[in-house]
């Protein structure tokens, strides 16, 4: 299919598909617009015309990643009893870690494609990332209603959960977990981590003094 015969959405999808191939094979640092165009079967000028430059193409790919993770959050939340606030949070944690391990290409660009603070703030990438985090924050809100977490601490709890899952995902993907885990499958690590998080949440993590009191 030539550039002229692509619909706008088809070209967008084809170029992001090419990025996915390149990042999966050799990382995003070696991405070039020319190679993305070649793999997508379009003219070498098509990516620049559509995304502006390499950063624009990586931004679009990272945005797609956050949208995919948000969809996973939504499916995970829909698959459990919403009355059980702890089960909802556990399900979202599992969704996060599974996404990171199953789609390391998107995940690496989502968190390693660097932008300056001024470039990031207010960008479409920031909007997509914030929308994804809000899914987790909303789920933590159910803990507030249950009296397990104070309202003032809710966003700190959401950040703790996100940070915990992110750290474990990066360690697993980079094969940097301690040697203790050498004989563990990812599912075993996932079960163990979520079991600990479940216990903390059931015990009322952050339900005592507010962060603002410290």
N, C-alpha and C. Protein backbone atom coordinates (compact mmCIF):
# COMPACT_ATOMS: atom_id res chain seq x y z
N UNK A 1 0.85 -1.19 0.00
CA UNK A 1 0.00 0.00 0.00
C UNK A 1 0.88 1.23 0.00
N UNK A 2 0.67 2.15 -0.91
CA UNK A 2 1.48 3.35 -0.99
C UNK A 2 0.95 4.42 -0.07
N UNK A 3 1.74 5.46 0.11
CA UNK A 3 1.33 6.55 0.98
C UNK A 3 0.02 7.16 0.50
N UNK A 4 -0.12 7.29 -0.82
CA UNK A 4 -1.30 7.95 -1.37
C UNK A 4 -2.58 7.17 -1.10
N UNK A 5 -2.50 5.87 -0.93
CA UNK A 5 -3.70 5.06 -0.76
C UNK A 5 -4.05 4.81 0.71
N UNK A 6 -3.21 5.27 1.64
CA UNK A 6 -3.51 5.13 3.06
C UNK A 6 -4.57 6.16 3.47
N UNK A 7 -5.53 5.72 4.23
CA UNK A 7 -6.37 6.67 4.94
C UNK A 7 -5.55 7.19 6.11
N UNK A 8 -5.95 8.34 6.65
CA UNK A 8 -5.21 8.97 7.74
C UNK A 8 -5.00 8.00 8.90
N UNK A 9 -6.07 7.35 9.33
CA UNK A 9 -5.96 6.42 10.45
C UNK A 9 -5.13 5.20 10.12
N UNK A 10 -5.21 4.73 8.88
CA UNK A 10 -4.43 3.57 8.47
C UNK A 10 -2.94 3.88 8.50
N UNK A 11 -2.58 5.07 8.04
CA UNK A 11 -1.17 5.46 8.03
C UNK A 11 -0.65 5.57 9.47
N UNK A 12 -1.44 6.18 10.32
CA UNK A 12 -1.07 6.29 11.74
C UNK A 12 -0.82 4.91 12.33
N UNK A 13 -1.74 4.00 12.10
CA UNK A 13 -1.64 2.65 12.64
C UNK A 13 -0.45 1.91 12.03
N UNK A 14 -0.24 2.05 10.74
CA UNK A 14 0.86 1.36 10.07
C UNK A 14 2.21 1.82 10.61
N UNK A 15 2.37 3.11 10.83
CA UNK A 15 3.64 3.64 11.32
C UNK A 15 3.87 3.23 12.77
N UNK A 16 2.82 3.23 13.58
CA UNK A 16 2.99 2.77 14.96
C UNK A 16 3.28 1.28 15.01
N UNK A 17 2.72 0.54 14.07
CA UNK A 17 3.04 -0.89 13.98
C UNK A 17 4.50 -1.09 13.63
N UNK A 18 5.02 -0.24 12.77
CA UNK A 18 6.45 -0.31 12.41
C UNK A 18 7.32 0.02 13.61
N UNK A 19 6.91 1.03 14.38
CA UNK A 19 7.64 1.39 15.59
C UNK A 19 7.66 0.21 16.55
N UNK A 20 6.53 -0.45 16.69
CA UNK A 20 6.44 -1.60 17.59
C UNK A 20 7.44 -2.68 17.20
N UNK A 21 7.57 -2.94 15.90
CA UNK A 21 8.54 -3.94 15.42
C UNK A 21 9.97 -3.52 15.77
N UNK A 22 10.28 -2.27 15.50
CA UNK A 22 11.64 -1.79 15.70
C UNK A 22 12.01 -1.80 17.19
N UNK A 23 11.12 -1.28 18.03
CA UNK A 23 11.40 -1.22 19.46
C UNK A 23 11.51 -2.63 20.04
N UNK A 24 10.65 -3.54 19.59
CA UNK A 24 10.69 -4.91 20.09
C UNK A 24 11.99 -5.60 19.72
N UNK A 25 12.53 -5.26 18.56
CA UNK A 25 13.75 -5.91 18.08
C UNK A 25 15.02 -5.32 18.67
N UNK A 26 15.07 -3.97 18.78
CA UNK A 26 16.35 -3.37 19.16
C UNK A 26 16.24 -2.13 20.03
N UNK A 27 15.08 -1.83 20.56
CA UNK A 27 14.93 -0.69 21.44
C UNK A 27 14.62 0.59 20.69
N UNK A 28 14.11 1.58 21.41
CA UNK A 28 13.66 2.80 20.74
C UNK A 28 14.80 3.76 20.43
N UNK A 29 15.96 3.58 21.07
CA UNK A 29 17.06 4.51 20.83
C UNK A 29 17.51 4.48 19.38
N UNK A 30 17.38 3.33 18.72
CA UNK A 30 17.85 3.19 17.34
C UNK A 30 16.74 3.44 16.32
N UNK A 31 15.60 3.90 16.78
CA UNK A 31 14.49 4.17 15.85
C UNK A 31 14.85 5.32 14.92
N UNK A 32 14.51 5.16 13.66
CA UNK A 32 14.65 6.26 12.70
C UNK A 32 13.36 6.37 11.90
N UNK A 33 13.04 7.60 11.47
CA UNK A 33 11.84 7.80 10.66
C UNK A 33 11.94 7.03 9.35
N UNK A 34 13.13 6.98 8.80
CA UNK A 34 13.30 6.30 7.52
C UNK A 34 13.01 4.81 7.64
N UNK A 35 13.51 4.18 8.72
CA UNK A 35 13.25 2.75 8.88
C UNK A 35 11.78 2.49 9.17
N UNK A 36 11.16 3.36 9.96
CA UNK A 36 9.73 3.21 10.24
C UNK A 36 8.94 3.29 8.95
N UNK A 37 9.32 4.22 8.08
CA UNK A 37 8.63 4.37 6.80
C UNK A 37 8.83 3.13 5.93
N UNK A 38 10.06 2.62 5.91
CA UNK A 38 10.35 1.45 5.09
C UNK A 38 9.52 0.26 5.55
N UNK A 39 9.45 0.04 6.85
CA UNK A 39 8.70 -1.11 7.37
C UNK A 39 7.20 -0.95 7.17
N UNK A 40 6.74 0.29 7.18
CA UNK A 40 5.31 0.53 6.97
C UNK A 40 4.94 0.53 5.50
N UNK A 41 5.96 0.56 4.63
CA UNK A 41 5.71 0.53 3.20
C UNK A 41 5.22 1.85 2.65
N UNK A 42 5.72 2.96 3.24
CA UNK A 42 5.31 4.29 2.79
C UNK A 42 6.55 5.10 2.43
N UNK A 43 6.34 6.28 1.87
CA UNK A 43 7.47 7.12 1.47
C UNK A 43 8.25 7.56 2.71
N UNK A 44 9.53 7.86 2.53
CA UNK A 44 10.37 8.22 3.67
C UNK A 44 9.92 9.52 4.32
N UNK A 45 9.15 10.33 3.61
CA UNK A 45 8.68 11.60 4.16
C UNK A 45 7.38 11.47 4.94
N UNK A 46 6.71 10.32 4.84
CA UNK A 46 5.40 10.16 5.47
C UNK A 46 5.44 10.31 6.99
N UNK A 47 6.40 9.68 7.70
CA UNK A 47 6.41 9.83 9.17
C UNK A 47 6.58 11.28 9.61
N UNK A 48 7.49 12.01 8.95
CA UNK A 48 7.72 13.41 9.31
C UNK A 48 6.47 14.24 9.03
N UNK A 49 5.80 13.95 7.94
CA UNK A 49 4.58 14.69 7.60
C UNK A 49 3.49 14.42 8.62
N UNK A 50 3.43 13.19 9.12
CA UNK A 50 2.34 12.78 10.00
C UNK A 50 2.65 13.09 11.47
N UNK A 51 3.92 12.90 11.89
CA UNK A 51 4.27 13.03 13.31
C UNK A 51 5.25 14.16 13.60
N UNK A 52 5.82 14.76 12.57
CA UNK A 52 6.75 15.86 12.77
C UNK A 52 8.19 15.40 12.81
N UNK A 53 8.56 14.61 13.82
CA UNK A 53 9.92 14.13 13.95
C UNK A 53 9.92 12.84 14.77
N UNK A 54 11.12 12.36 15.08
CA UNK A 54 11.24 11.11 15.83
C UNK A 54 10.56 11.21 17.19
N UNK A 55 10.73 12.35 17.88
CA UNK A 55 10.09 12.52 19.17
C UNK A 55 8.58 12.46 19.06
N UNK A 56 8.05 13.04 18.00
CA UNK A 56 6.61 13.01 17.79
C UNK A 56 6.10 11.60 17.56
N UNK A 57 6.88 10.81 16.83
CA UNK A 57 6.50 9.42 16.58
C UNK A 57 6.55 8.61 17.87
N UNK A 58 7.59 8.83 18.68
CA UNK A 58 7.69 8.12 19.95
C UNK A 58 6.61 8.57 20.92
N UNK A 59 6.27 9.86 20.90
CA UNK A 59 5.16 10.35 21.73
C UNK A 59 3.88 9.60 21.40
N UNK A 60 3.59 9.47 20.11
CA UNK A 60 2.37 8.79 19.68
C UNK A 60 2.36 7.33 20.11
N UNK A 61 3.53 6.69 20.04
CA UNK A 61 3.63 5.30 20.45
C UNK A 61 3.44 5.16 21.96
N UNK A 62 4.03 6.09 22.73
CA UNK A 62 3.86 6.07 24.19
C UNK A 62 2.40 6.34 24.56
N UNK A 63 1.76 7.27 23.88
CA UNK A 63 0.35 7.56 24.13
C UNK A 63 -0.48 6.31 23.89
N UNK A 64 -0.20 5.61 22.80
CA UNK A 64 -0.90 4.37 22.52
C UNK A 64 -0.70 3.38 23.68
N UNK A 65 0.51 3.32 24.23
CA UNK A 65 0.78 2.43 25.35
C UNK A 65 -0.06 2.77 26.56
N UNK A 66 -0.14 4.05 26.92
CA UNK A 66 -0.96 4.44 28.07
C UNK A 66 -2.44 4.16 27.81
N UNK A 67 -2.88 4.32 26.59
CA UNK A 67 -4.27 4.01 26.27
C UNK A 67 -4.54 2.52 26.39
N UNK A 68 -3.59 1.70 25.96
CA UNK A 68 -3.74 0.26 26.10
C UNK A 68 -3.77 -0.16 27.56
N UNK A 69 -2.91 0.46 28.38
CA UNK A 69 -2.89 0.14 29.81
C UNK A 69 -4.20 0.59 30.47
N UNK A 70 -4.71 1.75 30.07
CA UNK A 70 -5.98 2.22 30.61
C UNK A 70 -7.10 1.24 30.28
N UNK A 71 -7.09 0.72 29.06
CA UNK A 71 -8.09 -0.27 28.67
C UNK A 71 -7.97 -1.53 29.52
N UNK A 72 -6.74 -1.91 29.83
CA UNK A 72 -6.54 -3.09 30.70
C UNK A 72 -7.09 -2.83 32.09
N UNK A 73 -6.86 -1.62 32.60
CA UNK A 73 -7.41 -1.27 33.90
C UNK A 73 -8.94 -1.39 33.89
N UNK A 74 -9.54 -0.87 32.83
CA UNK A 74 -11.00 -0.89 32.74
C UNK A 74 -11.53 -2.32 32.68
N UNK A 75 -10.88 -3.17 31.92
CA UNK A 75 -11.31 -4.57 31.83
C UNK A 75 -11.11 -5.28 33.16
N UNK A 76 -9.98 -4.97 33.82
CA UNK A 76 -9.70 -5.61 35.11
C UNK A 76 -10.74 -5.22 36.15
N UNK A 77 -11.09 -3.94 36.19
CA UNK A 77 -12.08 -3.47 37.17
C UNK A 77 -13.45 -4.06 36.89
N UNK A 78 -13.76 -4.25 35.60
CA UNK A 78 -15.07 -4.79 35.23
C UNK A 78 -15.18 -6.27 35.55
N UNK A 79 -14.03 -6.93 35.73
CA UNK A 79 -14.03 -8.37 35.93
C UNK A 79 -14.13 -8.82 37.37
N UNK A 80 -14.23 -7.88 38.30
CA UNK A 80 -14.33 -8.23 39.72
C UNK A 80 -15.51 -7.50 40.35
N UNK A 81 -15.88 -7.94 41.53
CA UNK A 81 -16.97 -7.32 42.27
C UNK A 81 -16.52 -5.93 42.74
N UNK A 82 -17.14 -4.89 42.19
CA UNK A 82 -16.72 -3.53 42.52
C UNK A 82 -16.98 -3.17 43.98
N UNK A 83 -17.82 -3.96 44.64
CA UNK A 83 -18.06 -3.71 46.07
C UNK A 83 -16.82 -4.06 46.89
N UNK A 84 -16.03 -5.00 46.39
CA UNK A 84 -14.82 -5.43 47.06
C UNK A 84 -13.67 -4.53 46.62
N UNK A 85 -13.45 -3.45 47.35
CA UNK A 85 -12.47 -2.45 46.94
C UNK A 85 -11.06 -3.02 46.86
N UNK A 86 -10.72 -3.92 47.77
CA UNK A 86 -9.38 -4.51 47.76
C UNK A 86 -9.19 -5.38 46.52
N UNK A 87 -10.23 -6.14 46.15
CA UNK A 87 -10.14 -6.98 44.95
C UNK A 87 -9.97 -6.14 43.70
N UNK A 88 -10.62 -4.98 43.66
CA UNK A 88 -10.47 -4.09 42.50
C UNK A 88 -9.03 -3.62 42.38
N UNK A 89 -8.44 -3.18 43.49
CA UNK A 89 -7.05 -2.71 43.46
C UNK A 89 -6.09 -3.83 43.10
N UNK A 90 -6.32 -5.01 43.64
CA UNK A 90 -5.47 -6.15 43.31
C UNK A 90 -5.56 -6.47 41.82
N UNK A 91 -6.77 -6.41 41.28
CA UNK A 91 -6.96 -6.69 39.87
C UNK A 91 -6.24 -5.68 38.99
N UNK A 92 -6.27 -4.40 39.38
CA UNK A 92 -5.56 -3.38 38.62
C UNK A 92 -4.05 -3.57 38.72
N UNK A 93 -3.57 -3.96 39.90
CA UNK A 93 -2.15 -4.23 40.04
C UNK A 93 -1.69 -5.36 39.15
N UNK A 94 -2.48 -6.41 39.10
CA UNK A 94 -2.16 -7.53 38.23
C UNK A 94 -2.18 -7.10 36.76
N UNK A 95 -3.15 -6.28 36.41
CA UNK A 95 -3.25 -5.79 35.03
C UNK A 95 -2.02 -4.98 34.66
N UNK A 96 -1.56 -4.14 35.57
CA UNK A 96 -0.39 -3.30 35.32
C UNK A 96 0.85 -4.16 35.07
N UNK A 97 1.11 -5.08 35.99
CA UNK A 97 2.31 -5.89 35.87
C UNK A 97 2.26 -6.80 34.65
N UNK A 98 1.09 -7.35 34.37
CA UNK A 98 0.96 -8.21 33.20
C UNK A 98 1.20 -7.43 31.91
N UNK A 99 0.67 -6.22 31.84
CA UNK A 99 0.89 -5.38 30.66
C UNK A 99 2.37 -5.10 30.47
N UNK A 100 3.05 -4.73 31.55
CA UNK A 100 4.46 -4.37 31.46
C UNK A 100 5.31 -5.53 30.96
N UNK A 101 4.98 -6.74 31.38
CA UNK A 101 5.76 -7.92 31.00
C UNK A 101 5.36 -8.43 29.62
N UNK A 102 4.09 -8.33 29.28
CA UNK A 102 3.62 -8.84 28.00
C UNK A 102 3.88 -7.86 26.85
N UNK A 103 4.02 -6.58 27.16
CA UNK A 103 4.24 -5.57 26.12
C UNK A 103 5.41 -4.66 26.52
N UNK A 104 6.60 -5.24 26.63
CA UNK A 104 7.75 -4.45 27.09
C UNK A 104 8.15 -3.33 26.13
N UNK A 105 7.80 -3.46 24.85
CA UNK A 105 8.14 -2.41 23.89
C UNK A 105 7.41 -1.12 24.23
N UNK A 106 6.09 -1.20 24.34
CA UNK A 106 5.33 -0.01 24.73
C UNK A 106 5.79 0.50 26.09
N UNK A 107 5.95 -0.43 27.02
CA UNK A 107 6.26 -0.04 28.39
C UNK A 107 7.58 0.73 28.47
N UNK A 108 8.58 0.28 27.72
CA UNK A 108 9.87 0.94 27.76
C UNK A 108 9.79 2.37 27.24
N UNK A 109 9.01 2.58 26.18
CA UNK A 109 8.91 3.92 25.61
C UNK A 109 8.05 4.82 26.50
N UNK A 110 7.01 4.25 27.10
CA UNK A 110 6.14 5.03 27.98
C UNK A 110 6.92 5.70 29.10
N UNK A 111 7.95 5.02 29.61
CA UNK A 111 8.65 5.54 30.79
C UNK A 111 10.10 5.92 30.55
N UNK A 112 10.62 5.66 29.38
CA UNK A 112 12.03 5.98 29.12
C UNK A 112 12.24 6.99 28.00
N UNK A 113 11.21 7.26 27.24
CA UNK A 113 11.31 8.30 26.21
C UNK A 113 11.26 9.65 26.91
N UNK A 114 12.40 10.32 26.98
CA UNK A 114 12.53 11.51 27.81
C UNK A 114 12.06 12.77 27.09
N UNK A 115 11.36 13.61 27.86
CA UNK A 115 10.98 14.94 27.41
C UNK A 115 11.29 15.91 28.54
N UNK A 116 11.56 17.14 28.19
CA UNK A 116 11.79 18.14 29.24
C UNK A 116 10.47 18.39 29.97
N UNK A 117 10.58 18.94 31.17
CA UNK A 117 9.38 19.22 31.96
C UNK A 117 8.41 20.12 31.20
N UNK A 118 8.94 21.17 30.60
CA UNK A 118 8.08 22.12 29.88
C UNK A 118 7.42 21.47 28.67
N UNK A 119 8.16 20.61 27.98
CA UNK A 119 7.60 19.92 26.82
C UNK A 119 6.52 18.93 27.24
N UNK A 120 6.74 18.29 28.38
CA UNK A 120 5.81 17.25 28.84
C UNK A 120 4.50 17.84 29.36
N UNK A 121 4.59 18.88 30.18
CA UNK A 121 3.41 19.44 30.81
C UNK A 121 2.42 19.97 29.76
N UNK A 122 1.20 19.49 29.84
CA UNK A 122 0.17 19.93 28.91
C UNK A 122 0.17 19.22 27.58
N UNK A 123 1.13 18.31 27.37
CA UNK A 123 1.20 17.60 26.10
C UNK A 123 0.16 16.48 26.05
N UNK A 124 -0.10 15.97 24.86
CA UNK A 124 -1.02 14.84 24.71
C UNK A 124 -0.51 13.63 25.48
N UNK A 125 0.80 13.48 25.55
CA UNK A 125 1.39 12.36 26.30
C UNK A 125 1.06 12.50 27.79
N UNK A 126 1.19 13.69 28.33
CA UNK A 126 0.87 13.91 29.74
C UNK A 126 -0.61 13.65 30.01
N UNK A 127 -1.46 14.05 29.09
CA UNK A 127 -2.91 13.82 29.25
C UNK A 127 -3.20 12.32 29.29
N UNK A 128 -2.57 11.56 28.41
CA UNK A 128 -2.79 10.11 28.37
C UNK A 128 -2.27 9.44 29.62
N UNK A 129 -1.09 9.87 30.09
CA UNK A 129 -0.50 9.29 31.29
C UNK A 129 -1.35 9.61 32.52
N UNK A 130 -1.81 10.86 32.61
CA UNK A 130 -2.63 11.27 33.75
C UNK A 130 -3.96 10.52 33.77
N UNK A 131 -4.55 10.32 32.59
CA UNK A 131 -5.82 9.59 32.52
C UNK A 131 -5.66 8.16 33.00
N UNK A 132 -4.52 7.58 32.68
CA UNK A 132 -4.23 6.21 33.11
C UNK A 132 -4.08 6.16 34.63
N UNK A 133 -3.32 7.09 35.19
CA UNK A 133 -3.13 7.13 36.64
C UNK A 133 -4.46 7.37 37.35
N UNK A 134 -5.34 8.17 36.75
CA UNK A 134 -6.62 8.47 37.38
C UNK A 134 -7.47 7.22 37.56
N UNK A 135 -7.32 6.24 36.68
CA UNK A 135 -8.05 4.98 36.86
C UNK A 135 -7.66 4.34 38.19
N UNK A 136 -6.36 4.36 38.47
CA UNK A 136 -5.88 3.79 39.73
C UNK A 136 -6.34 4.64 40.92
N UNK A 137 -6.27 5.96 40.77
CA UNK A 137 -6.68 6.85 41.84
C UNK A 137 -8.17 6.67 42.16
N UNK A 138 -8.97 6.49 41.12
CA UNK A 138 -10.41 6.27 41.33
C UNK A 138 -10.66 4.98 42.07
N UNK A 139 -9.88 3.96 41.76
CA UNK A 139 -10.05 2.68 42.46
C UNK A 139 -9.66 2.81 43.92
N UNK A 140 -8.62 3.60 44.20
CA UNK A 140 -8.24 3.83 45.59
C UNK A 140 -9.34 4.59 46.32
N UNK A 141 -10.11 5.38 45.57
CA UNK A 141 -11.23 6.09 46.17
C UNK A 141 -12.22 5.16 46.84
N UNK A 142 -12.34 3.94 46.32
CA UNK A 142 -13.24 2.97 46.94
C UNK A 142 -12.73 2.55 48.32
N UNK A 143 -11.41 2.60 48.52
CA UNK A 143 -10.85 2.31 49.84
C UNK A 143 -11.20 3.42 50.83
N UNK A 144 -11.29 4.64 50.32
CA UNK A 144 -11.69 5.76 51.17
C UNK A 144 -13.12 5.55 51.65
N UNK A 145 -13.99 5.14 50.73
CA UNK A 145 -15.39 4.91 51.10
C UNK A 145 -15.52 3.78 52.12
N UNK A 146 -14.59 2.81 52.04
CA UNK A 146 -14.61 1.69 52.99
C UNK A 146 -13.97 2.05 54.33
N UNK A 147 -13.37 3.22 54.41
CA UNK A 147 -12.69 3.62 55.64
C UNK A 147 -11.32 3.01 55.80
N UNK A 148 -10.79 2.40 54.74
CA UNK A 148 -9.47 1.78 54.82
C UNK A 148 -8.35 2.80 54.62
N UNK A 149 -8.64 3.88 53.91
CA UNK A 149 -7.65 4.91 53.61
C UNK A 149 -8.32 6.26 53.81
N UNK A 150 -7.61 7.22 54.39
CA UNK A 150 -8.17 8.56 54.53
C UNK A 150 -8.15 9.26 53.18
N UNK A 151 -9.05 10.19 52.99
CA UNK A 151 -9.12 10.91 51.72
C UNK A 151 -7.82 11.65 51.43
N UNK A 152 -7.23 12.21 52.47
CA UNK A 152 -5.98 12.96 52.28
C UNK A 152 -4.84 12.07 51.83
N UNK A 153 -4.90 10.79 52.17
CA UNK A 153 -3.82 9.86 51.81
C UNK A 153 -4.09 9.09 50.52
N UNK A 154 -5.26 9.24 49.94
CA UNK A 154 -5.66 8.40 48.81
C UNK A 154 -4.67 8.46 47.65
N UNK A 155 -4.27 9.67 47.26
CA UNK A 155 -3.37 9.78 46.12
C UNK A 155 -1.97 9.27 46.45
N UNK A 156 -1.58 9.36 47.72
CA UNK A 156 -0.30 8.79 48.12
C UNK A 156 -0.34 7.26 48.01
N UNK A 157 -1.47 6.69 48.39
CA UNK A 157 -1.62 5.24 48.27
C UNK A 157 -1.58 4.83 46.81
N UNK A 158 -2.28 5.58 45.95
CA UNK A 158 -2.27 5.29 44.51
C UNK A 158 -0.85 5.37 43.96
N UNK A 159 -0.10 6.39 44.39
CA UNK A 159 1.28 6.54 43.93
C UNK A 159 2.15 5.40 44.43
N UNK A 160 1.92 4.97 45.67
CA UNK A 160 2.69 3.85 46.23
C UNK A 160 2.43 2.58 45.42
N UNK A 161 1.17 2.33 45.08
CA UNK A 161 0.84 1.13 44.31
C UNK A 161 1.45 1.20 42.92
N UNK A 162 1.33 2.36 42.27
CA UNK A 162 1.90 2.52 40.93
C UNK A 162 3.41 2.33 40.99
N UNK A 163 4.05 2.98 41.95
CA UNK A 163 5.50 2.88 42.06
C UNK A 163 5.97 1.48 42.36
N UNK A 164 5.25 0.78 43.22
CA UNK A 164 5.62 -0.60 43.54
C UNK A 164 5.54 -1.48 42.31
N UNK A 165 4.43 -1.38 41.60
CA UNK A 165 4.25 -2.20 40.39
C UNK A 165 5.28 -1.82 39.33
N UNK A 166 5.54 -0.53 39.19
CA UNK A 166 6.51 -0.09 38.18
C UNK A 166 7.90 -0.63 38.49
N UNK A 167 8.30 -0.54 39.75
CA UNK A 167 9.63 -1.03 40.11
C UNK A 167 9.79 -2.51 39.86
N UNK A 168 8.79 -3.28 40.22
CA UNK A 168 8.86 -4.73 40.01
C UNK A 168 8.88 -5.04 38.52
N UNK A 169 8.07 -4.32 37.75
CA UNK A 169 8.03 -4.55 36.30
C UNK A 169 9.38 -4.28 35.66
N UNK A 170 10.01 -3.18 36.04
CA UNK A 170 11.32 -2.84 35.46
C UNK A 170 12.37 -3.87 35.87
N UNK A 171 12.37 -4.26 37.13
CA UNK A 171 13.33 -5.27 37.59
C UNK A 171 13.14 -6.59 36.86
N UNK A 172 11.89 -6.98 36.65
CA UNK A 172 11.63 -8.24 35.94
C UNK A 172 12.05 -8.13 34.48
N UNK A 173 11.65 -7.07 33.81
CA UNK A 173 11.97 -6.92 32.39
C UNK A 173 13.47 -6.80 32.15
N UNK A 174 14.17 -6.19 33.09
CA UNK A 174 15.63 -6.03 32.96
C UNK A 174 16.40 -7.19 33.55
N UNK A 175 15.67 -8.21 34.03
CA UNK A 175 16.29 -9.39 34.64
C UNK A 175 17.20 -8.98 35.79
N UNK A 176 16.70 -8.09 36.66
CA UNK A 176 17.50 -7.56 37.75
C UNK A 176 16.93 -7.91 39.13
N UNK A 177 15.94 -8.80 39.17
CA UNK A 177 15.44 -9.22 40.47
C UNK A 177 16.53 -10.00 41.21
N UNK A 178 16.52 -9.99 42.54
CA UNK A 178 17.53 -10.74 43.30
C UNK A 178 17.55 -12.21 42.91
N UNK A 179 18.69 -12.87 43.17
CA UNK A 179 18.85 -14.28 42.79
C UNK A 179 17.81 -15.19 43.43
N UNK A 180 17.22 -14.72 44.51
CA UNK A 180 16.17 -15.49 45.17
C UNK A 180 15.06 -15.88 44.20
N UNK A 181 14.84 -15.05 43.18
CA UNK A 181 13.73 -15.27 42.27
C UNK A 181 14.12 -16.05 41.01
N UNK A 182 15.33 -16.55 40.96
CA UNK A 182 15.80 -17.21 39.75
C UNK A 182 14.90 -18.37 39.32
N UNK A 183 14.35 -19.09 40.29
CA UNK A 183 13.53 -20.26 39.97
C UNK A 183 12.04 -19.94 39.98
N UNK A 184 11.70 -18.66 40.05
CA UNK A 184 10.30 -18.26 40.10
C UNK A 184 9.80 -17.87 38.70
N UNK A 185 8.58 -18.27 38.40
CA UNK A 185 7.93 -17.77 37.19
C UNK A 185 7.37 -16.38 37.49
N UNK A 186 7.02 -15.67 36.42
CA UNK A 186 6.43 -14.34 36.63
C UNK A 186 5.13 -14.45 37.40
N UNK A 187 4.33 -15.45 37.11
CA UNK A 187 3.05 -15.61 37.81
C UNK A 187 3.27 -15.82 39.31
N UNK A 188 4.33 -16.54 39.67
CA UNK A 188 4.62 -16.75 41.09
C UNK A 188 5.02 -15.44 41.77
N UNK A 189 5.84 -14.65 41.10
CA UNK A 189 6.22 -13.35 41.64
C UNK A 189 4.99 -12.46 41.75
N UNK A 190 4.16 -12.47 40.70
CA UNK A 190 2.95 -11.66 40.69
C UNK A 190 2.03 -12.03 41.85
N UNK A 191 1.82 -13.33 42.05
CA UNK A 191 0.95 -13.78 43.15
C UNK A 191 1.50 -13.35 44.51
N UNK A 192 2.82 -13.47 44.68
CA UNK A 192 3.42 -13.10 45.95
C UNK A 192 3.30 -11.61 46.23
N UNK A 193 3.61 -10.80 45.23
CA UNK A 193 3.54 -9.34 45.40
C UNK A 193 2.12 -8.89 45.67
N UNK A 194 1.17 -9.39 44.89
CA UNK A 194 -0.21 -8.96 45.06
C UNK A 194 -0.78 -9.47 46.38
N UNK A 195 -0.28 -10.60 46.85
CA UNK A 195 -0.72 -11.10 48.15
C UNK A 195 -0.31 -10.15 49.27
N UNK A 196 0.92 -9.62 49.19
CA UNK A 196 1.39 -8.66 50.18
C UNK A 196 0.58 -7.36 50.11
N UNK A 197 0.37 -6.88 48.88
CA UNK A 197 -0.40 -5.65 48.70
C UNK A 197 -1.82 -5.83 49.23
N UNK A 198 -2.41 -7.00 48.95
CA UNK A 198 -3.76 -7.27 49.44
C UNK A 198 -3.80 -7.21 50.97
N UNK A 199 -2.79 -7.81 51.60
CA UNK A 199 -2.75 -7.79 53.05
C UNK A 199 -2.63 -6.39 53.61
N UNK A 200 -1.80 -5.55 52.98
CA UNK A 200 -1.66 -4.16 53.42
C UNK A 200 -2.97 -3.40 53.29
N UNK A 201 -3.63 -3.58 52.15
CA UNK A 201 -4.89 -2.86 51.92
C UNK A 201 -5.98 -3.33 52.86
N UNK A 202 -6.03 -4.61 53.10
CA UNK A 202 -7.04 -5.13 54.02
C UNK A 202 -6.80 -4.66 55.44
N UNK A 203 -5.54 -4.34 55.74
CA UNK A 203 -5.22 -3.85 57.07
C UNK A 203 -5.41 -2.35 57.22
N UNK A 204 -5.84 -1.72 56.10
CA UNK A 204 -6.08 -0.28 56.20
C UNK A 204 -4.83 0.55 55.96
N UNK A 205 -4.11 0.26 54.90
CA UNK A 205 -2.88 1.00 54.61
C UNK A 205 -3.17 2.48 54.48
N UNK A 206 -2.50 3.27 55.31
CA UNK A 206 -2.65 4.72 55.19
C UNK A 206 -3.91 5.24 55.83
N UNK A 207 -4.61 4.41 56.60
CA UNK A 207 -5.87 4.87 57.18
C UNK A 207 -5.66 5.70 58.43
N UNK A 208 -4.44 5.71 58.96
CA UNK A 208 -4.17 6.43 60.19
C UNK A 208 -3.84 7.89 59.92
N UNK A 209 -2.66 8.33 60.37
CA UNK A 209 -2.30 9.73 60.21
C UNK A 209 -2.21 10.11 58.76
N UNK A 210 -2.69 11.30 58.42
CA UNK A 210 -2.60 11.80 57.05
C UNK A 210 -1.18 12.21 56.74
N UNK A 211 -0.83 12.11 55.46
CA UNK A 211 0.50 12.54 55.04
C UNK A 211 0.72 14.01 55.39
N UNK A 212 -0.35 14.80 55.36
CA UNK A 212 -0.23 16.22 55.64
C UNK A 212 0.13 16.49 57.11
N UNK A 213 -0.04 15.48 57.97
CA UNK A 213 0.25 15.64 59.39
C UNK A 213 1.73 15.41 59.70
N UNK A 214 2.48 14.91 58.71
CA UNK A 214 3.86 14.55 58.98
C UNK A 214 4.80 15.67 58.58
